[in-house]
């Protein structure tokens, strides 16, 4: 079995937990996730968000079961070389809802410190809720 396949298997429990706590159909307050093949999107709700300006955003449910807005995406960070493996989780935030609400300019929405900190907490919670073995890979997210 390739190192690539083994690395994906290591993250499978995290993806399973994200599907269990999928914002699309799970009304539970902790259901803030959206699993993809090699990433997890992290959403906020009016009652659970990074704070600050997010409290001023009017969120709607759209196609989901509760009002929400996307805050972050967590991507697998791969090593380089002949046998790639997952060496971390790259966290990216873009506060598009704050821009749409006229609260921030476009250049101010990317990787805001409070959004990164909140998303890291949610990702750590999801790792704990999963059946993943071992510690969560390091999470990296550059501010600004």
C-alpha atoms as a PDB file:
ATOM      1  CA  UNK A   1       0.000   0.000   0.000  1.00  0.00           C
ATOM      2  CA  UNK A   2       1.363   3.421  -0.928  1.00  0.00           C
ATOM      3  CA  UNK A   3       2.266   6.108   1.633  1.00  0.00           C
ATOM      4  CA  UNK A   4      -0.336   8.304  -0.073  1.00  0.00           C
ATOM      5  CA  UNK A   5      -3.086   5.760   0.623  1.00  0.00           C
ATOM      6  CA  UNK A   6      -1.919   5.243   4.208  1.00  0.00           C
ATOM      7  CA  UNK A   7      -1.921   8.990   4.817  1.00  0.00           C
ATOM      8  CA  UNK A   8      -5.493   9.278   3.551  1.00  0.00           C
ATOM      9  CA  UNK A   9      -6.540   6.406   5.803  1.00  0.00           C
ATOM     10  CA  UNK A  10      -5.070   8.257   8.790  1.00  0.00           C
ATOM     11  CA  UNK A  11      -7.424  11.166   8.074  1.00  0.00           C
ATOM     12  CA  UNK A  12     -10.474   8.997   7.315  1.00  0.00           C
ATOM     13  CA  UNK A  13     -11.816   9.168  10.905  1.00  0.00           C
ATOM     14  CA  UNK A  14     -11.714  12.968  10.778  1.00  0.00           C
ATOM     15  CA  UNK A  15     -13.702  12.951   7.533  1.00  0.00           C
ATOM     16  CA  UNK A  16     -16.183  10.457   9.032  1.00  0.00           C
ATOM     17  CA  UNK A  17     -16.681  12.713  12.066  1.00  0.00           C
ATOM     18  CA  UNK A  18     -17.163  15.705   9.754  1.00  0.00           C
ATOM     19  CA  UNK A  19     -19.864  13.750   7.920  1.00  0.00           C
ATOM     20  CA  UNK A  20     -21.512  12.863  11.240  1.00  0.00           C
ATOM     21  CA  UNK A  21     -21.465  16.548  12.242  1.00  0.00           C
ATOM     22  CA  UNK A  22     -22.386  17.804   8.762  1.00  0.00           C
ATOM     23  CA  UNK A  23     -24.014  21.211   8.776  1.00  0.00           C
ATOM     24  CA  UNK A  24     -26.049  20.273   5.723  1.00  0.00           C
ATOM     25  CA  UNK A  25     -28.481  18.030   7.551  1.00  0.00           C
ATOM     26  CA  UNK A  26     -27.599  17.784  11.221  1.00  0.00           C
ATOM     27  CA  UNK A  27     -29.341  20.376  13.432  1.00  0.00           C
ATOM     28  CA  UNK A  28     -27.077  19.631  16.443  1.00  0.00           C
ATOM     29  CA  UNK A  29     -25.240  22.797  17.598  1.00  0.00           C
ATOM     30  CA  UNK A  30     -21.837  21.095  17.119  1.00  0.00           C
ATOM     31  CA  UNK A  31     -22.628  20.217  13.492  1.00  0.00           C
ATOM     32  CA  UNK A  32     -20.472  22.874  11.816  1.00  0.00           C
ATOM     33  CA  UNK A  33     -18.576  20.821   9.238  1.00  0.00           C
ATOM     34  CA  UNK A  34     -18.653  19.886   5.577  1.00  0.00           C
ATOM     35  CA  UNK A  35     -16.381  16.992   4.532  1.00  0.00           C
ATOM     36  CA  UNK A  36     -14.656  16.881   1.154  1.00  0.00           C
ATOM     37  CA  UNK A  37     -12.202  14.293  -0.216  1.00  0.00           C
ATOM     38  CA  UNK A  38      -9.070  15.916   1.255  1.00  0.00           C
ATOM     39  CA  UNK A  39     -10.365  18.806   3.317  1.00  0.00           C
ATOM     40  CA  UNK A  40     -12.993  19.864   5.810  1.00  0.00           C
ATOM     41  CA  UNK A  41     -14.921  23.129   5.624  1.00  0.00           C
ATOM     42  CA  UNK A  42     -15.819  24.775   8.943  1.00  0.00           C
ATOM     43  CA  UNK A  43     -18.993  26.837   9.231  1.00  0.00           C
ATOM     44  CA  UNK A  44     -20.306  29.154  11.930  1.00  0.00           C
ATOM     45  CA  UNK A  45     -23.836  29.883  13.143  1.00  0.00           C
ATOM     46  CA  UNK A  46     -25.398  32.893  14.839  1.00  0.00           C
ATOM     47  CA  UNK A  47     -24.792  31.229  18.218  1.00  0.00           C
ATOM     48  CA  UNK A  48     -21.310  29.790  17.517  1.00  0.00           C
ATOM     49  CA  UNK A  49     -18.902  32.017  15.611  1.00  0.00           C
ATOM     50  CA  UNK A  50     -15.465  33.661  15.977  1.00  0.00           C
ATOM     51  CA  UNK A  51     -16.983  36.665  17.740  1.00  0.00           C
ATOM     52  CA  UNK A  52     -16.475  40.352  17.057  1.00  0.00           C
ATOM     53  CA  UNK A  53     -17.902  41.401  13.711  1.00  0.00           C
ATOM     54  CA  UNK A  54     -19.457  37.966  13.148  1.00  0.00           C
ATOM     55  CA  UNK A  55     -22.130  38.863  15.732  1.00  0.00           C
ATOM     56  CA  UNK A  56     -23.391  41.523  13.290  1.00  0.00           C
ATOM     57  CA  UNK A  57     -23.841  39.165  10.333  1.00  0.00           C
ATOM     58  CA  UNK A  58     -27.346  38.028   9.410  1.00  0.00           C
ATOM     59  CA  UNK A  59     -26.934  34.401   8.411  1.00  0.00           C
ATOM     60  CA  UNK A  60     -29.508  32.348   6.552  1.00  0.00           C
ATOM     61  CA  UNK A  61     -29.901  28.617   6.160  1.00  0.00           C
ATOM     62  CA  UNK A  62     -29.980  28.477   2.380  1.00  0.00           C
ATOM     63  CA  UNK A  63     -29.829  24.766   1.522  1.00  0.00           C
ATOM     64  CA  UNK A  64     -28.702  23.834   5.054  1.00  0.00           C
ATOM     65  CA  UNK A  65     -30.792  23.007   8.117  1.00  0.00           C
ATOM     66  CA  UNK A  66     -29.759  26.106  10.090  1.00  0.00           C
ATOM     67  CA  UNK A  67     -28.454  29.612   9.436  1.00  0.00           C
ATOM     68  CA  UNK A  68     -24.699  29.575   8.807  1.00  0.00           C
ATOM     69  CA  UNK A  69     -21.676  31.099   7.077  1.00  0.00           C
ATOM     70  CA  UNK A  70     -18.457  29.441   5.953  1.00  0.00           C
ATOM     71  CA  UNK A  71     -15.400  30.521   7.956  1.00  0.00           C
ATOM     72  CA  UNK A  72     -12.564  28.131   7.106  1.00  0.00           C
ATOM     73  CA  UNK A  73     -11.219  25.241   5.082  1.00  0.00           C
ATOM     74  CA  UNK A  74      -8.732  22.753   6.479  1.00  0.00           C
ATOM     75  CA  UNK A  75      -6.583  21.079   3.786  1.00  0.00           C
ATOM     76  CA  UNK A  76      -4.112  18.237   4.167  1.00  0.00           C
ATOM     77  CA  UNK A  77      -0.532  19.500   3.956  1.00  0.00           C
ATOM     78  CA  UNK A  78       1.654  16.983   2.128  1.00  0.00           C
ATOM     79  CA  UNK A  79       5.376  16.348   2.334  1.00  0.00           C
ATOM     80  CA  UNK A  80       7.377  16.569  -0.858  1.00  0.00           C
ATOM     81  CA  UNK A  81       9.349  13.731  -2.347  1.00  0.00           C
ATOM     82  CA  UNK A  82       8.898  10.242  -3.656  1.00  0.00           C
ATOM     83  CA  UNK A  83       6.705   9.013  -0.767  1.00  0.00           C
ATOM     84  CA  UNK A  84       4.345  11.866   0.169  1.00  0.00           C
ATOM     85  CA  UNK A  85       2.610  11.795   3.509  1.00  0.00           C
ATOM     86  CA  UNK A  86       0.413  14.193   5.434  1.00  0.00           C
ATOM     87  CA  UNK A  87       2.588  16.361   7.672  1.00  0.00           C
ATOM     88  CA  UNK A  88      -0.013  18.869   8.820  1.00  0.00           C
ATOM     89  CA  UNK A  89      -3.326  20.557   8.259  1.00  0.00           C
ATOM     90  CA  UNK A  90      -3.318  23.907   6.459  1.00  0.00           C
ATOM     91  CA  UNK A  91      -6.070  26.171   7.720  1.00  0.00           C
ATOM     92  CA  UNK A  92      -7.369  28.969   5.489  1.00  0.00           C
ATOM     93  CA  UNK A  93     -10.056  31.458   6.470  1.00  0.00           C
ATOM     94  CA  UNK A  94     -11.882  33.982   4.336  1.00  0.00           C
ATOM     95  CA  UNK A  95     -14.570  36.119   5.972  1.00  0.00           C
ATOM     96  CA  UNK A  96     -16.648  36.589   2.827  1.00  0.00           C
ATOM     97  CA  UNK A  97     -19.822  37.125   4.866  1.00  0.00           C
ATOM     98  CA  UNK A  98     -18.182  40.039   6.685  1.00  0.00           C
ATOM     99  CA  UNK A  99     -17.284  41.535   3.307  1.00  0.00           C
ATOM    100  CA  UNK A 100     -20.817  41.009   1.943  1.00  0.00           C
ATOM    101  CA  UNK A 101     -22.248  42.697   5.052  1.00  0.00           C
ATOM    102  CA  UNK A 102     -20.016  45.710   4.401  1.00  0.00           C
ATOM    103  CA  UNK A 103     -18.059  45.158   7.637  1.00  0.00           C
ATOM    104  CA  UNK A 104     -14.659  44.488   6.017  1.00  0.00           C
ATOM    105  CA  UNK A 105     -12.877  45.290   2.774  1.00  0.00           C
ATOM    106  CA  UNK A 106     -11.710  42.422   0.543  1.00  0.00           C
ATOM    107  CA  UNK A 107      -8.062  42.788   1.556  1.00  0.00           C
ATOM    108  CA  UNK A 108      -9.043  42.362   5.241  1.00  0.00           C
ATOM    109  CA  UNK A 109     -10.950  39.070   5.085  1.00  0.00           C
ATOM    110  CA  UNK A 110      -8.141  36.527   4.654  1.00  0.00           C
ATOM    111  CA  UNK A 111      -6.803  34.599   7.701  1.00  0.00           C
ATOM    112  CA  UNK A 112      -7.909  37.024  10.399  1.00  0.00           C
ATOM    113  CA  UNK A 113      -6.364  35.963  13.751  1.00  0.00           C
ATOM    114  CA  UNK A 114      -9.718  35.549  15.518  1.00  0.00           C
ATOM    115  CA  UNK A 115     -11.105  33.435  12.663  1.00  0.00           C
ATOM    116  CA  UNK A 116      -8.009  31.205  12.638  1.00  0.00           C
ATOM    117  CA  UNK A 117      -8.117  30.724  16.423  1.00  0.00           C
ATOM    118  CA  UNK A 118     -11.823  29.820  16.387  1.00  0.00           C
ATOM    119  CA  UNK A 119     -11.415  27.427  13.449  1.00  0.00           C
ATOM    120  CA  UNK A 120      -8.425  25.708  15.130  1.00  0.00           C
ATOM    121  CA  UNK A 121     -10.571  25.084  18.202  1.00  0.00           C
ATOM    122  CA  UNK A 122     -13.355  23.588  16.084  1.00  0.00           C
ATOM    123  CA  UNK A 123     -10.895  21.381  14.211  1.00  0.00           C
ATOM    124  CA  UNK A 124      -9.350  20.157  17.492  1.00  0.00           C
ATOM    125  CA  UNK A 125     -12.851  19.376  18.793  1.00  0.00           C
ATOM    126  CA  UNK A 126     -13.628  17.408  15.626  1.00  0.00           C
ATOM    127  CA  UNK A 127     -10.370  15.431  15.945  1.00  0.00           C
ATOM    128  CA  UNK A 128     -11.316  14.517  19.527  1.00  0.00           C
ATOM    129  CA  UNK A 129     -14.833  13.540  18.407  1.00  0.00           C
ATOM    130  CA  UNK A 130     -13.412  11.285  15.682  1.00  0.00           C
ATOM    131  CA  UNK A 131     -11.949   7.835  16.132  1.00  0.00           C
ATOM    132  CA  UNK A 132      -8.583   9.024  14.879  1.00  0.00           C
ATOM    133  CA  UNK A 133      -5.552   7.346  16.376  1.00  0.00           C
ATOM    134  CA  UNK A 134      -2.695   9.425  17.671  1.00  0.00           C
ATOM    135  CA  UNK A 135      -2.341  13.158  17.889  1.00  0.00           C
ATOM    136  CA  UNK A 136      -3.821  15.487  15.331  1.00  0.00           C
ATOM    137  CA  UNK A 137      -1.274  16.650  12.748  1.00  0.00           C
ATOM    138  CA  UNK A 138      -0.035  20.189  13.428  1.00  0.00           C
ATOM    139  CA  UNK A 139      -2.380  22.911  12.220  1.00  0.00           C
ATOM    140  CA  UNK A 140      -0.837  25.800  10.347  1.00  0.00           C
ATOM    141  CA  UNK A 141      -2.523  29.000   9.268  1.00  0.00           C
ATOM    142  CA  UNK A 142      -0.772  32.236   8.453  1.00  0.00           C
ATOM    143  CA  UNK A 143      -2.366  35.451   9.615  1.00  0.00           C
ATOM    144  CA  UNK A 144      -3.308  38.091   7.068  1.00  0.00           C
END
